[in-house]
C-alpha atoms as a PDB file:
ATOM      1  CA  UNK A   1       6.335 -43.140 -15.671  1.00  0.00           C
ATOM      2  CA  UNK A   2       5.533 -45.733 -18.702  1.00  0.00           C
ATOM      3  CA  UNK A   3       2.145 -47.287 -17.150  1.00  0.00           C
ATOM      4  CA  UNK A   4       0.883 -43.637 -16.211  1.00  0.00           C
ATOM      5  CA  UNK A   5       1.628 -41.566 -19.458  1.00  0.00           C
ATOM      6  CA  UNK A   6       0.223 -45.178 -21.430  1.00  0.00           C
ATOM      7  CA  UNK A   7      -3.269 -43.954 -18.976  1.00  0.00           C
ATOM      8  CA  UNK A   8      -3.318 -40.187 -18.626  1.00  0.00           C
ATOM      9  CA  UNK A   9      -2.780 -39.559 -22.865  1.00  0.00           C
ATOM     10  CA  UNK A  10      -5.569 -40.709 -24.334  1.00  0.00           C
ATOM     11  CA  UNK A  11      -7.204 -38.397 -21.790  1.00  0.00           C
ATOM     12  CA  UNK A  12      -5.540 -35.007 -22.251  1.00  0.00           C
ATOM     13  CA  UNK A  13      -6.323 -36.251 -25.893  1.00  0.00           C
ATOM     14  CA  UNK A  14      -8.989 -36.111 -25.556  1.00  0.00           C
ATOM     15  CA  UNK A  15      -9.535 -33.175 -22.689  1.00  0.00           C
ATOM     16  CA  UNK A  16      -7.382 -30.559 -25.478  1.00  0.00           C
ATOM     17  CA  UNK A  17      -9.676 -31.575 -27.916  1.00  0.00           C
ATOM     18  CA  UNK A  18     -12.792 -30.693 -26.200  1.00  0.00           C
ATOM     19  CA  UNK A  19     -11.441 -27.857 -24.649  1.00  0.00           C
ATOM     20  CA  UNK A  20     -10.201 -26.693 -28.651  1.00  0.00           C
ATOM     21  CA  UNK A  21     -13.208 -27.378 -30.348  1.00  0.00           C
ATOM     22  CA  UNK A  22     -15.724 -25.717 -32.277  1.00  0.00           C
ATOM     23  CA  UNK A  23     -19.584 -24.669 -31.006  1.00  0.00           C
ATOM     24  CA  UNK A  24     -21.365 -28.141 -31.616  1.00  0.00           C
ATOM     25  CA  UNK A  25     -19.070 -30.324 -32.629  1.00  0.00           C
ATOM     26  CA  UNK A  26     -18.429 -33.467 -30.501  1.00  0.00           C
ATOM     27  CA  UNK A  27     -20.703 -33.440 -27.104  1.00  0.00           C
ATOM     28  CA  UNK A  28     -19.225 -34.611 -24.900  1.00  0.00           C
ATOM     29  CA  UNK A  29     -16.171 -36.802 -24.053  1.00  0.00           C
ATOM     30  CA  UNK A  30     -17.235 -39.692 -25.356  1.00  0.00           C
ATOM     31  CA  UNK A  31     -18.428 -38.401 -28.281  1.00  0.00           C
ATOM     32  CA  UNK A  32     -14.579 -36.857 -28.634  1.00  0.00           C
ATOM     33  CA  UNK A  33     -13.222 -40.613 -28.538  1.00  0.00           C
ATOM     34  CA  UNK A  34     -16.262 -42.198 -30.342  1.00  0.00           C
ATOM     35  CA  UNK A  35     -15.071 -39.690 -33.821  1.00  0.00           C
ATOM     36  CA  UNK A  36     -11.448 -39.476 -33.316  1.00  0.00           C
ATOM     37  CA  UNK A  37     -11.186 -43.349 -33.303  1.00  0.00           C
ATOM     38  CA  UNK A  38     -13.477 -43.712 -36.452  1.00  0.00           C
ATOM     39  CA  UNK A  39     -11.895 -40.483 -38.232  1.00  0.00           C
ATOM     40  CA  UNK A  40      -7.924 -40.926 -37.483  1.00  0.00           C
ATOM     41  CA  UNK A  41      -8.167 -44.567 -35.774  1.00  0.00           C
ATOM     42  CA  UNK A  42      -7.349 -45.652 -31.667  1.00  0.00           C
ATOM     43  CA  UNK A  43      -3.051 -44.408 -31.971  1.00  0.00           C
ATOM     44  CA  UNK A  44      -4.897 -40.609 -32.375  1.00  0.00           C
ATOM     45  CA  UNK A  45      -5.298 -41.247 -28.699  1.00  0.00           C
ATOM     46  CA  UNK A  46      -1.370 -40.939 -28.233  1.00  0.00           C
ATOM     47  CA  UNK A  47      -0.628 -38.398 -30.204  1.00  0.00           C
ATOM     48  CA  UNK A  48       2.107 -36.522 -27.978  1.00  0.00           C
ATOM     49  CA  UNK A  49       2.647 -39.654 -25.822  1.00  0.00           C
ATOM     50  CA  UNK A  50       6.672 -38.866 -26.552  1.00  0.00           C
ATOM     51  CA  UNK A  51       6.548 -35.847 -24.719  1.00  0.00           C
ATOM     52  CA  UNK A  52       3.807 -36.793 -21.846  1.00  0.00           C
ATOM     53  CA  UNK A  53       6.554 -40.061 -21.414  1.00  0.00           C
ATOM     54  CA  UNK A  54       9.652 -37.778 -21.389  1.00  0.00           C
ATOM     55  CA  UNK A  55       8.151 -35.653 -18.491  1.00  0.00           C
ATOM     56  CA  UNK A  56       6.456 -37.737 -16.098  1.00  0.00           C
ATOM     57  CA  UNK A  57       9.400 -39.973 -16.131  1.00  0.00           C
ATOM     58  CA  UNK A  58      11.848 -38.569 -14.543  1.00  0.00           C
ATOM     59  CA  UNK A  59       9.059 -37.239 -12.138  1.00  0.00           C
ATOM     60  CA  UNK A  60       9.079 -41.207 -10.962  1.00  0.00           C
ATOM     61  CA  UNK A  61      12.313 -41.484 -10.997  1.00  0.00           C
ATOM     62  CA  UNK A  62      13.380 -39.187  -8.365  1.00  0.00           C
ATOM     63  CA  UNK A  63       9.932 -39.822  -6.537  1.00  0.00           C
ATOM     64  CA  UNK A  64      11.460 -43.759  -6.907  1.00  0.00           C
ATOM     65  CA  UNK A  65      14.997 -42.844  -5.229  1.00  0.00           C
ATOM     66  CA  UNK A  66      13.688 -40.385  -2.966  1.00  0.00           C
ATOM     67  CA  UNK A  67      11.365 -42.635  -1.260  1.00  0.00           C
ATOM     68  CA  UNK A  68      14.761 -45.934  -1.486  1.00  0.00           C
ATOM     69  CA  UNK A  69      16.727 -43.207   0.646  1.00  0.00           C
ATOM     70  CA  UNK A  70      14.041 -42.225   2.902  1.00  0.00           C
ATOM     71  CA  UNK A  71      12.809 -46.374   3.353  1.00  0.00           C
ATOM     72  CA  UNK A  72      16.824 -46.312   4.258  1.00  0.00           C
ATOM     73  CA  UNK A  73      17.205 -43.820   6.794  1.00  0.00           C
ATOM     74  CA  UNK A  74      13.953 -45.278   8.803  1.00  0.00           C
ATOM     75  CA  UNK A  75      16.147 -49.144   8.464  1.00  0.00           C
ATOM     76  CA  UNK A  76      19.060 -46.579  10.133  1.00  0.00           C
ATOM     77  CA  UNK A  77      17.116 -45.285  13.051  1.00  0.00           C
ATOM     78  CA  UNK A  78      15.290 -48.350  14.096  1.00  0.00           C
ATOM     79  CA  UNK A  79      18.383 -49.945  14.043  1.00  0.00           C
ATOM     80  CA  UNK A  80      20.435 -47.412  16.727  1.00  0.00           C
END
């Protein structure tokens, strides 16, 4: 969940800024990234990190627990 949040959050921030931009504000995603980092610093790409992490962490935990239970079940079937 943490790695996914760290890698996806900057992309989400840039996507949201482009979707909400005024006409002609940015020429594209790279221009948006450069302008954001220059004006607000690199941590601006991680605005909203906590909600992103809180949303993704339970999903990842449930996925791993489910996969472990499925593996356990298949091991049980193989031992029969």
